[in-house]
Amino acid sequence: MGNGGGTRWSQAVQPGAPGSRTTRLELFYDLVFVFAFLNVTSLTATHPSPVNLYRCLLVLALLWWCWTGFAGLGNAVRADQGVLPLVGFVTVAAAFMLVLSMPGAFVDRPGGLNGPMVFAACYLVVRVAQLVIFFWVARADPERWRRLSMIAVLPVAATALLVVAGTVPPRLLDRPVAIAVQLTLWTAALALEYVGGVILGRPWWVVISAGHWAERHALMVLIALGESIISLGLGAKFFTDLPLTGPVALAAVLGIGVTAMLWWAYFDTLSTGLEQALHRARDPGRRLRLARDAYTYLHLPMIAGIIFFALGLKDLLAEAAQPGSPDWGVPLGGFWITVLYGGVGLYLLSIVACAWRALRRVRWPLLLAVVVLAVVAPFAALLPELVALAVLCGITVVMTVAETVREDGRRRRIRQLALAEQLALEVDQTRWRQQHL
């Protein structure tokens, strides 16, 4: 009986394996982050300003850190086995409440619960729940337990900074000094988590499954791109409030064109090439550095760029759909051209950095496109909205064509290797199913 109890406890958390992939339960967890990415722009959309844009970035970075904790947890242990589903459901509920509190994360709204306090409390619950599982995995290793104990201080300290930032009286938050203090506290909390977590976690954390780690991040890029598609459908509200006009249809087609080019820039070869590079990194330290740099760090600005593009697209469509708007729209202006063009430029620049870090390859067409966007943006700000979007679509299409045409054999090798791996896996799966099913 004692052995049975020990067996049950040993099976409560089952370790991951080198060949593991993303589970359906992890995809279920990601639904809450889809909701988060859809709503993080609410901090900017209602009152567009540089301060609110920075607030959007801060919340997004904290959400990203929460999500990377999920990804790391699913890599270390099997997320759909033992007690992990129960822990996951608790943290998903806390993450969902965190998202609901986002509009009041900086300034408490009258009535209801205190927004900054709810946000800070839910963030702590999500982070601590993740660490509890890591503590369970490391229970037999005193050194790892000691390291984890040091890491556990970080989310507590970060939450304390968020709580202090939330105590600034709302009546003072229209003053520059109070805003600067609050943003400084949030930035310190973010730096504490990112810098401290990476430094303290380096000695013991390893990427067990390169395929799982790469797939999780690629799916999150896909989800973020999906937000830009949703912005096309919901931004203009023509499903419920407004008719489908010519300007809205044109903006939708151009928006789909830009989104498709952004998809191609990442998924044509980069996502596969990154995964192959991660598989080739046999040394645990080298694999960890590559996973940290190319995924944890460089995928964050990639996601931010997509969300900024979706935010700009949502505003553009809303104005294009308004009755009485000029056929080609009004000029976007400096702020919105920065959000729209800057979001695409940030995304492309992150891809260039990922390709260089993992593959030691400079993707010149994408880098040139970023330069062109920076040069053209001040002039595009003076153009009507649809014309500015058409220029953006044209630049990304030319970039994609140039990137594909200048193929030097590397793209073909990456795709052939990926196809060979897929075929080999299908043969093994077919053989196993014939023997056991």
Protein backbone atom coordinates (compact mmCIF):
# COMPACT_ATOMS: atom_id res chain seq x y z
CA MET A 1 0.00 0.00 0.00
CA GLY A 2 2.87 2.31 0.80
CA ASN A 3 4.46 1.57 -2.54
CA GLY A 4 1.17 2.29 -4.30
CA GLY A 5 0.98 5.69 -2.63
CA GLY A 6 4.57 6.42 -3.60
CA THR A 7 3.82 5.43 -7.16
CA ARG A 8 0.81 7.72 -7.25
CA TRP A 9 2.91 10.62 -5.99
CA SER A 10 5.69 9.88 -8.46
CA GLN A 11 3.15 9.95 -11.28
CA ALA A 12 1.60 13.24 -10.10
CA VAL A 13 4.16 15.10 -12.23
CA GLN A 14 5.70 13.22 -15.16
CA PRO A 15 8.88 14.57 -16.80
CA GLY A 16 8.96 15.67 -20.41
CA ALA A 17 10.87 13.85 -23.15
CA PRO A 18 13.16 15.01 -25.99
CA GLY A 19 10.55 14.12 -28.61
CA SER A 20 7.52 15.69 -26.93
CA ARG A 21 5.36 18.19 -28.80
CA THR A 22 2.66 20.68 -27.89
CA THR A 23 -0.37 19.08 -26.24
CA ARG A 24 -4.01 19.98 -26.80
CA LEU A 25 -4.20 21.10 -23.17
CA GLU A 26 -1.45 23.64 -23.78
CA LEU A 27 -3.41 24.96 -26.75
CA PHE A 28 -6.37 25.33 -24.40
CA TYR A 29 -4.18 27.38 -22.05
CA ASP A 30 -3.21 29.61 -24.96
CA LEU A 31 -6.82 30.63 -25.47
CA VAL A 32 -6.57 32.97 -22.51
CA PHE A 33 -3.49 34.55 -24.04
CA VAL A 34 -5.37 35.03 -27.30
CA PHE A 35 -7.90 36.96 -25.25
CA ALA A 36 -5.06 38.87 -23.58
CA PHE A 37 -3.43 39.86 -26.85
CA LEU A 38 -6.80 41.01 -28.17
CA ASN A 39 -7.33 43.24 -25.15
CA VAL A 40 -3.85 44.54 -24.33
CA THR A 41 -4.33 47.24 -26.97
CA SER A 42 -7.30 48.58 -24.97
CA LEU A 43 -4.74 50.49 -22.92
CA THR A 44 -3.90 52.51 -26.04
CA ALA A 45 -6.91 52.36 -28.35
CA THR A 46 -9.19 54.61 -26.27
CA HIS A 47 -6.56 57.25 -25.48
CA PRO A 48 -3.72 56.98 -28.02
CA SER A 49 -0.55 58.51 -26.63
CA PRO A 50 3.13 57.55 -26.21
CA VAL A 51 2.57 57.00 -22.46
CA ASN A 52 -0.31 54.59 -23.05
CA LEU A 53 1.68 52.86 -25.79
CA TYR A 54 4.46 52.25 -23.27
CA ARG A 55 1.91 50.97 -20.77
CA CYS A 56 0.71 48.56 -23.42
CA LEU A 57 4.29 47.34 -23.88
CA LEU A 58 4.77 46.85 -20.13
CA VAL A 59 1.62 44.77 -19.76
CA LEU A 60 2.48 42.78 -22.87
CA ALA A 61 5.97 42.00 -21.54
CA LEU A 62 4.54 40.75 -18.22
CA LEU A 63 1.98 38.64 -20.07
CA TRP A 64 4.80 37.25 -22.22
CA TRP A 65 6.77 36.31 -19.11
CA CYS A 66 3.73 34.49 -17.75
CA TRP A 67 3.32 32.67 -21.04
CA THR A 68 6.99 31.66 -21.24
CA GLY A 69 6.54 30.15 -17.79
CA PHE A 70 3.78 27.98 -19.26
CA ALA A 71 6.02 27.05 -22.19
CA GLY A 72 8.94 26.18 -19.91
CA LEU A 73 6.66 24.16 -17.65
CA GLY A 74 5.26 22.17 -20.59
CA ASN A 75 8.80 21.50 -21.76
CA ALA A 76 10.00 20.21 -18.40
CA VAL A 77 6.94 18.08 -17.56
CA ARG A 78 3.97 16.60 -19.40
CA ALA A 79 1.27 19.26 -19.19
CA ASP A 80 -1.62 16.86 -19.74
CA GLN A 81 -0.63 14.21 -17.18
CA GLY A 82 -0.97 13.87 -13.40
CA VAL A 83 -1.91 17.00 -11.47
CA LEU A 84 -0.77 19.37 -14.21
CA PRO A 85 -4.24 19.87 -15.73
CA LEU A 86 -5.60 20.93 -12.33
CA VAL A 87 -2.75 23.36 -11.80
CA GLY A 88 -3.23 24.60 -15.33
CA PHE A 89 -6.93 25.28 -14.84
CA VAL A 90 -6.21 27.31 -11.69
CA THR A 91 -3.56 29.40 -13.42
CA VAL A 92 -5.74 29.89 -16.51
CA ALA A 93 -8.50 31.24 -14.27
CA ALA A 94 -6.02 33.60 -12.62
CA ALA A 95 -4.64 34.65 -16.01
CA PHE A 96 -8.16 35.32 -17.28
CA MET A 97 -8.86 37.54 -14.27
CA LEU A 98 -5.55 39.27 -14.92
CA VAL A 99 -6.71 40.08 -18.45
CA LEU A 100 -10.07 41.36 -17.20
CA SER A 101 -8.23 43.72 -14.85
CA MET A 102 -5.92 45.09 -17.56
CA PRO A 103 -7.98 48.22 -18.38
CA GLY A 104 -7.59 49.28 -14.73
CA ALA A 105 -4.06 47.95 -14.21
CA PHE A 106 -2.58 51.46 -13.95
CA VAL A 107 -5.54 53.63 -12.94
CA ASP A 108 -8.32 52.14 -10.83
CA ARG A 109 -11.77 52.62 -12.30
CA PRO A 110 -14.62 53.77 -10.07
CA GLY A 111 -16.84 50.97 -8.80
CA GLY A 112 -15.95 47.29 -8.54
CA LEU A 113 -12.66 45.79 -7.43
CA ASN A 114 -9.40 47.69 -7.30
CA GLY A 115 -7.87 47.17 -10.76
CA PRO A 116 -4.14 47.55 -9.93
CA MET A 117 -4.44 45.26 -6.89
CA VAL A 118 -6.37 42.58 -8.81
CA PHE A 119 -3.81 42.67 -11.62
CA ALA A 120 -0.89 42.33 -9.19
CA ALA A 121 -2.56 39.52 -7.20
CA CYS A 122 -3.44 37.51 -10.32
CA TYR A 123 0.07 37.93 -11.69
CA LEU A 124 1.49 36.54 -8.45
CA VAL A 125 -0.89 33.55 -8.51
CA VAL A 126 0.11 32.66 -12.09
CA ARG A 127 3.84 32.90 -11.39
CA VAL A 128 3.76 31.07 -8.06
CA ALA A 129 1.62 28.23 -9.47
CA GLN A 130 4.23 27.66 -12.17
CA LEU A 131 7.08 27.68 -9.65
CA VAL A 132 5.31 25.18 -7.38
CA ILE A 133 5.57 22.53 -10.10
CA PHE A 134 9.26 23.27 -10.63
CA PHE A 135 9.78 22.93 -6.86
CA TRP A 136 8.08 19.52 -6.99
CA VAL A 137 10.32 18.37 -9.85
CA ALA A 138 13.44 19.55 -7.98
CA ARG A 139 12.43 18.13 -4.58
CA ALA A 140 15.26 15.53 -4.61
CA ASP A 141 17.97 17.99 -5.68
CA PRO A 142 19.00 20.38 -2.85
CA GLU A 143 21.00 22.64 -5.17
CA ARG A 144 18.14 23.12 -7.61
CA TRP A 145 15.77 23.66 -4.68
CA ARG A 146 18.06 26.40 -3.37
CA ARG A 147 18.20 28.07 -6.79
CA LEU A 148 14.44 27.89 -7.14
CA SER A 149 14.03 29.44 -3.70
CA MET A 150 16.03 32.41 -4.91
CA ILE A 151 13.98 32.62 -8.11
CA ALA A 152 10.73 32.49 -6.13
CA VAL A 153 11.66 35.82 -4.55
CA LEU A 154 11.52 37.53 -7.95
CA PRO A 155 7.75 37.36 -8.66
CA VAL A 156 7.05 38.34 -5.05
CA ALA A 157 9.30 41.38 -5.34
CA ALA A 158 7.90 42.25 -8.77
CA THR A 159 4.35 42.01 -7.44
CA ALA A 160 5.29 44.28 -4.53
CA LEU A 161 6.51 46.88 -7.02
CA LEU A 162 3.24 46.60 -8.95
CA VAL A 163 1.28 47.04 -5.72
CA VAL A 164 3.27 50.16 -4.80
CA ALA A 165 2.72 51.52 -8.32
CA GLY A 166 -1.00 50.92 -7.89
CA THR A 167 -1.16 53.02 -4.72
CA VAL A 168 -0.53 56.27 -6.60
CA PRO A 169 -3.77 58.26 -6.14
CA PRO A 170 -5.76 58.40 -9.40
CA ARG A 171 -6.15 62.16 -9.09
CA LEU A 172 -2.36 62.53 -9.42
CA LEU A 173 -1.95 60.28 -12.46
CA ASP A 174 -2.41 63.15 -14.88
CA ARG A 175 0.77 64.75 -13.59
CA PRO A 176 4.09 63.95 -15.32
CA VAL A 177 5.96 63.19 -12.09
CA ALA A 178 3.36 60.68 -10.86
CA ILE A 179 3.21 59.01 -14.28
CA ALA A 180 7.01 58.76 -14.38
CA VAL A 181 7.12 57.19 -10.90
CA GLN A 182 4.46 54.62 -11.79
CA LEU A 183 6.09 53.67 -15.08
CA THR A 184 9.49 53.42 -13.38
CA LEU A 185 8.10 50.98 -10.80
CA TRP A 186 6.52 48.85 -13.53
CA THR A 187 9.74 48.89 -15.54
CA ALA A 188 11.71 47.83 -12.45
CA ALA A 189 9.30 44.93 -11.86
CA LEU A 190 9.74 43.84 -15.45
CA ALA A 191 13.53 44.09 -15.32
CA LEU A 192 13.59 42.14 -12.07
CA GLU A 193 11.70 39.21 -13.60
CA TYR A 194 13.56 39.10 -16.91
CA VAL A 195 17.12 39.74 -15.75
CA GLY A 196 16.92 37.92 -12.43
CA GLY A 197 15.02 34.95 -13.85
CA VAL A 198 17.51 34.41 -16.66
CA ILE A 199 20.59 34.77 -14.44
CA LEU A 200 19.34 32.53 -11.63
CA GLY A 201 17.68 29.96 -13.89
CA ARG A 202 20.68 29.41 -16.16
CA PRO A 203 22.52 26.81 -14.02
CA TRP A 204 19.66 24.30 -13.76
CA TRP A 205 17.07 24.90 -16.47
CA VAL A 206 17.44 23.01 -19.78
CA VAL A 207 15.38 22.73 -22.95
CA ILE A 208 14.42 19.05 -22.93
CA SER A 209 12.44 19.08 -26.19
CA ALA A 210 13.66 21.46 -28.89
CA GLY A 211 10.63 20.61 -31.02
CA HIS A 212 8.20 21.50 -28.24
CA TRP A 213 9.94 24.80 -27.47
CA ALA A 214 10.03 25.86 -31.12
CA GLU A 215 6.46 24.78 -31.78
CA ARG A 216 5.07 26.65 -28.77
CA HIS A 217 6.62 29.93 -29.88
CA ALA A 218 5.65 29.47 -33.52
CA LEU A 219 2.04 28.89 -32.49
CA MET A 220 2.09 32.08 -30.44
CA VAL A 221 3.31 34.04 -33.48
CA LEU A 222 0.46 32.49 -35.43
CA ILE A 223 -2.01 33.53 -32.74
CA ALA A 224 -0.71 37.09 -32.79
CA LEU A 225 -1.05 37.20 -36.58
CA GLY A 226 -4.58 35.92 -36.09
CA GLU A 227 -5.28 39.02 -34.01
CA SER A 228 -4.56 41.21 -37.02
CA ILE A 229 -7.08 39.16 -39.00
CA ILE A 230 -9.64 39.59 -36.23
CA SER A 231 -8.94 43.33 -36.26
CA LEU A 232 -9.95 43.34 -39.92
CA GLY A 233 -13.30 41.79 -39.07
CA LEU A 234 -14.10 43.57 -35.82
CA GLY A 235 -12.26 46.88 -36.09
CA ALA A 236 -14.73 48.47 -38.50
CA LYS A 237 -17.79 46.93 -36.78
CA PHE A 238 -19.42 46.43 -40.16
CA PHE A 239 -20.83 43.11 -38.94
CA THR A 240 -23.08 44.89 -36.46
CA ASP A 241 -23.17 48.65 -37.02
CA LEU A 242 -21.93 49.71 -40.43
CA PRO A 243 -22.33 48.57 -44.04
CA LEU A 244 -19.54 46.93 -45.99
CA THR A 245 -18.32 49.87 -48.04
CA GLY A 246 -15.71 50.04 -50.77
CA PRO A 247 -13.06 51.65 -48.53
CA VAL A 248 -13.58 48.99 -45.86
CA ALA A 249 -13.31 46.18 -48.43
CA LEU A 250 -10.13 47.70 -49.88
CA ALA A 251 -8.60 48.17 -46.44
CA ALA A 252 -9.47 44.55 -45.56
CA VAL A 253 -7.80 43.21 -48.72
CA LEU A 254 -4.68 45.32 -48.14
CA GLY A 255 -4.58 44.28 -44.49
CA ILE A 256 -4.80 40.62 -45.44
CA GLY A 257 -2.00 41.20 -47.93
CA VAL A 258 0.32 42.66 -45.28
CA THR A 259 -0.56 39.91 -42.78
CA ALA A 260 0.13 37.22 -45.37
CA MET A 261 3.57 38.71 -46.08
CA LEU A 262 4.34 38.81 -42.36
CA TRP A 263 3.31 35.14 -42.11
CA TRP A 264 5.60 34.26 -45.01
CA ALA A 265 8.56 36.12 -43.48
CA TYR A 266 8.42 33.89 -40.40
CA PHE A 267 6.88 30.58 -41.42
CA ASP A 268 8.35 30.04 -44.88
CA THR A 269 11.74 28.98 -43.51
CA LEU A 270 12.67 30.90 -40.35
CA SER A 271 10.50 28.96 -37.90
CA THR A 272 11.73 25.65 -39.33
CA GLY A 273 15.35 26.84 -39.49
CA LEU A 274 15.22 27.98 -35.86
CA GLU A 275 13.90 24.61 -34.75
CA GLN A 276 16.58 22.77 -36.71
CA ALA A 277 19.28 24.96 -35.16
CA LEU A 278 17.87 24.24 -31.70
CA HIS A 279 17.95 20.49 -32.41
CA ARG A 280 21.58 20.75 -33.56
CA ALA A 281 22.57 22.48 -30.31
CA ARG A 282 23.38 19.30 -28.38
CA ASP A 283 25.26 21.03 -25.57
CA PRO A 284 22.68 22.00 -22.87
CA GLY A 285 24.29 25.38 -22.23
CA ARG A 286 24.42 26.29 -25.91
CA ARG A 287 20.84 25.15 -26.44
CA LEU A 288 19.68 27.16 -23.43
CA ARG A 289 21.37 30.33 -24.71
CA LEU A 290 19.85 29.88 -28.15
CA ALA A 291 16.38 29.23 -26.68
CA ARG A 292 16.69 32.28 -24.45
CA ASP A 293 18.01 34.70 -27.10
CA ALA A 294 16.10 33.62 -30.21
CA TYR A 295 12.83 32.74 -28.51
CA THR A 296 12.31 34.26 -25.05
CA TYR A 297 13.89 37.60 -25.93
CA LEU A 298 13.56 38.09 -29.69
CA HIS A 299 10.04 36.70 -30.05
CA LEU A 300 8.70 39.30 -27.62
CA PRO A 301 9.35 42.30 -29.93
CA MET A 302 8.04 40.15 -32.76
CA ILE A 303 4.73 39.71 -30.94
CA ALA A 304 4.71 43.40 -29.96
CA GLY A 305 5.20 44.41 -33.59
CA ILE A 306 2.25 42.32 -34.73
CA ILE A 307 0.03 43.74 -31.98
CA PHE A 308 1.00 47.31 -32.88
CA PHE A 309 0.19 46.60 -36.52
CA ALA A 310 -3.19 45.16 -35.47
CA LEU A 311 -3.84 48.23 -33.31
CA GLY A 312 -3.10 50.57 -36.21
CA LEU A 313 -5.17 48.48 -38.58
CA LYS A 314 -8.11 48.48 -36.18
CA ASP A 315 -8.08 52.27 -35.93
CA LEU A 316 -7.68 52.69 -39.68
CA LEU A 317 -10.63 50.42 -40.43
CA ALA A 318 -12.81 52.11 -37.83
CA GLU A 319 -12.25 55.48 -39.47
CA ALA A 320 -12.59 54.15 -43.02
CA ALA A 321 -15.99 52.67 -42.14
CA GLN A 322 -17.42 55.86 -40.69
CA PRO A 323 -20.15 57.44 -42.85
CA GLY A 324 -18.99 60.66 -44.41
CA SER A 325 -15.29 59.74 -44.36
CA PRO A 326 -13.29 60.66 -47.49
CA ASP A 327 -13.00 57.83 -50.02
CA TRP A 328 -9.32 57.29 -49.27
CA GLY A 329 -9.53 58.32 -45.62
CA VAL A 330 -7.82 61.10 -43.72
CA PRO A 331 -4.05 61.30 -43.11
CA LEU A 332 -2.91 58.91 -40.40
CA GLY A 333 -0.65 61.38 -38.63
CA GLY A 334 2.57 60.82 -36.74
CA PHE A 335 1.28 58.62 -33.91
CA TRP A 336 -0.69 56.13 -35.98
CA ILE A 337 1.90 55.87 -38.74
CA THR A 338 4.44 55.05 -36.03
CA VAL A 339 2.17 52.34 -34.66
CA LEU A 340 1.31 50.87 -38.08
CA TYR A 341 4.65 51.13 -39.90
CA GLY A 342 6.69 50.84 -36.70
CA GLY A 343 4.88 47.62 -35.74
CA VAL A 344 5.71 45.99 -39.07
CA GLY A 345 9.28 47.29 -38.90
CA LEU A 346 9.74 45.93 -35.36
CA TYR A 347 8.42 42.53 -36.43
CA LEU A 348 10.76 42.34 -39.43
CA LEU A 349 13.75 43.56 -37.43
CA SER A 350 13.11 40.84 -34.84
CA ILE A 351 13.04 38.22 -37.60
CA VAL A 352 16.35 39.54 -38.95
CA ALA A 353 17.86 39.32 -35.45
CA CYS A 354 16.52 35.77 -34.96
CA ALA A 355 17.97 34.64 -38.29
CA TRP A 356 21.35 36.09 -37.43
CA ARG A 357 21.40 34.68 -33.89
CA ALA A 358 20.40 31.14 -34.84
CA LEU A 359 21.49 30.72 -38.47
CA ARG A 360 24.22 33.36 -38.80
CA ARG A 361 22.43 34.67 -41.87
CA VAL A 362 21.52 38.27 -42.70
CA ARG A 363 18.14 38.49 -44.42
CA TRP A 364 18.95 41.54 -46.50
CA PRO A 365 15.53 42.04 -48.18
CA LEU A 366 13.85 42.22 -44.77
CA LEU A 367 16.51 44.54 -43.39
CA LEU A 368 16.19 46.77 -46.45
CA ALA A 369 12.40 46.79 -46.01
CA VAL A 370 12.85 48.08 -42.44
CA VAL A 371 15.05 50.92 -43.74
CA VAL A 372 12.53 51.76 -46.46
CA LEU A 373 9.70 51.82 -43.90
CA ALA A 374 11.68 54.22 -41.69
CA VAL A 375 12.37 56.53 -44.66
CA VAL A 376 8.87 56.41 -46.10
CA ALA A 377 6.93 56.70 -42.80
CA PRO A 378 7.20 60.52 -42.40
CA PHE A 379 5.80 60.99 -45.91
CA ALA A 380 3.16 58.25 -45.51
CA ALA A 381 1.86 60.06 -42.40
CA LEU A 382 0.67 62.83 -44.72
CA LEU A 383 -1.10 60.45 -47.11
CA PRO A 384 -4.73 59.29 -46.83
CA GLU A 385 -5.11 56.18 -44.69
CA LEU A 386 -5.83 53.70 -47.48
CA VAL A 387 -2.97 55.04 -49.58
CA ALA A 388 -0.58 54.66 -46.62
CA LEU A 389 -1.81 51.08 -46.11
CA ALA A 390 -1.39 50.37 -49.83
CA VAL A 391 2.21 51.64 -49.66
CA LEU A 392 2.85 49.37 -46.66
CA CYS A 393 1.36 46.41 -48.51
CA GLY A 394 3.48 47.15 -51.57
CA ILE A 395 6.70 47.31 -49.54
CA THR A 396 6.01 43.97 -47.83
CA VAL A 397 5.07 42.26 -51.10
CA VAL A 398 8.26 43.45 -52.81
CA MET A 399 10.24 42.33 -49.74
CA THR A 400 8.73 38.84 -49.85
CA VAL A 401 9.30 38.43 -53.58
CA ALA A 402 12.92 39.57 -53.26
CA GLU A 403 13.51 37.26 -50.30
CA THR A 404 12.13 34.25 -52.20
CA VAL A 405 13.74 34.98 -55.56
CA ARG A 406 17.25 35.49 -54.18
CA GLU A 407 17.16 31.98 -52.68
CA ASP A 408 20.71 30.60 -52.62
CA GLY A 409 19.89 26.99 -51.82
CA ARG A 410 19.60 27.41 -48.05
CA ARG A 411 15.82 27.81 -48.17
CA ARG A 412 15.50 24.64 -50.26
CA ARG A 413 17.73 22.67 -47.86
CA ILE A 414 15.74 23.75 -44.81
CA ARG A 415 12.43 22.85 -46.41
CA GLN A 416 13.71 19.50 -47.75
CA LEU A 417 15.09 18.55 -44.33
CA ALA A 418 11.79 19.47 -42.67
CA LEU A 419 9.85 17.39 -45.21
CA ALA A 420 12.17 14.41 -44.71
CA GLU A 421 11.67 14.62 -40.94
CA GLN A 422 7.91 14.82 -41.35
CA LEU A 423 7.83 11.78 -43.63
CA ALA A 424 10.03 9.78 -41.23
CA LEU A 425 7.74 10.64 -38.31
CA GLU A 426 4.67 9.64 -40.30
CA VAL A 427 6.25 6.25 -41.15
CA ASP A 428 7.09 5.62 -37.48
CA GLN A 429 3.60 6.65 -36.35
CA THR A 430 1.95 4.45 -38.97
CA ARG A 431 4.06 1.46 -37.94
CA TRP A 432 3.26 1.98 -34.24
CA ARG A 433 -0.47 2.31 -34.92
CA GLN A 434 -0.49 -0.86 -37.00
CA GLN A 435 1.14 -2.76 -34.15
CA HIS A 436 -0.88 -1.37 -31.24
CA LEU A 437 -4.23 -0.07 -32.49
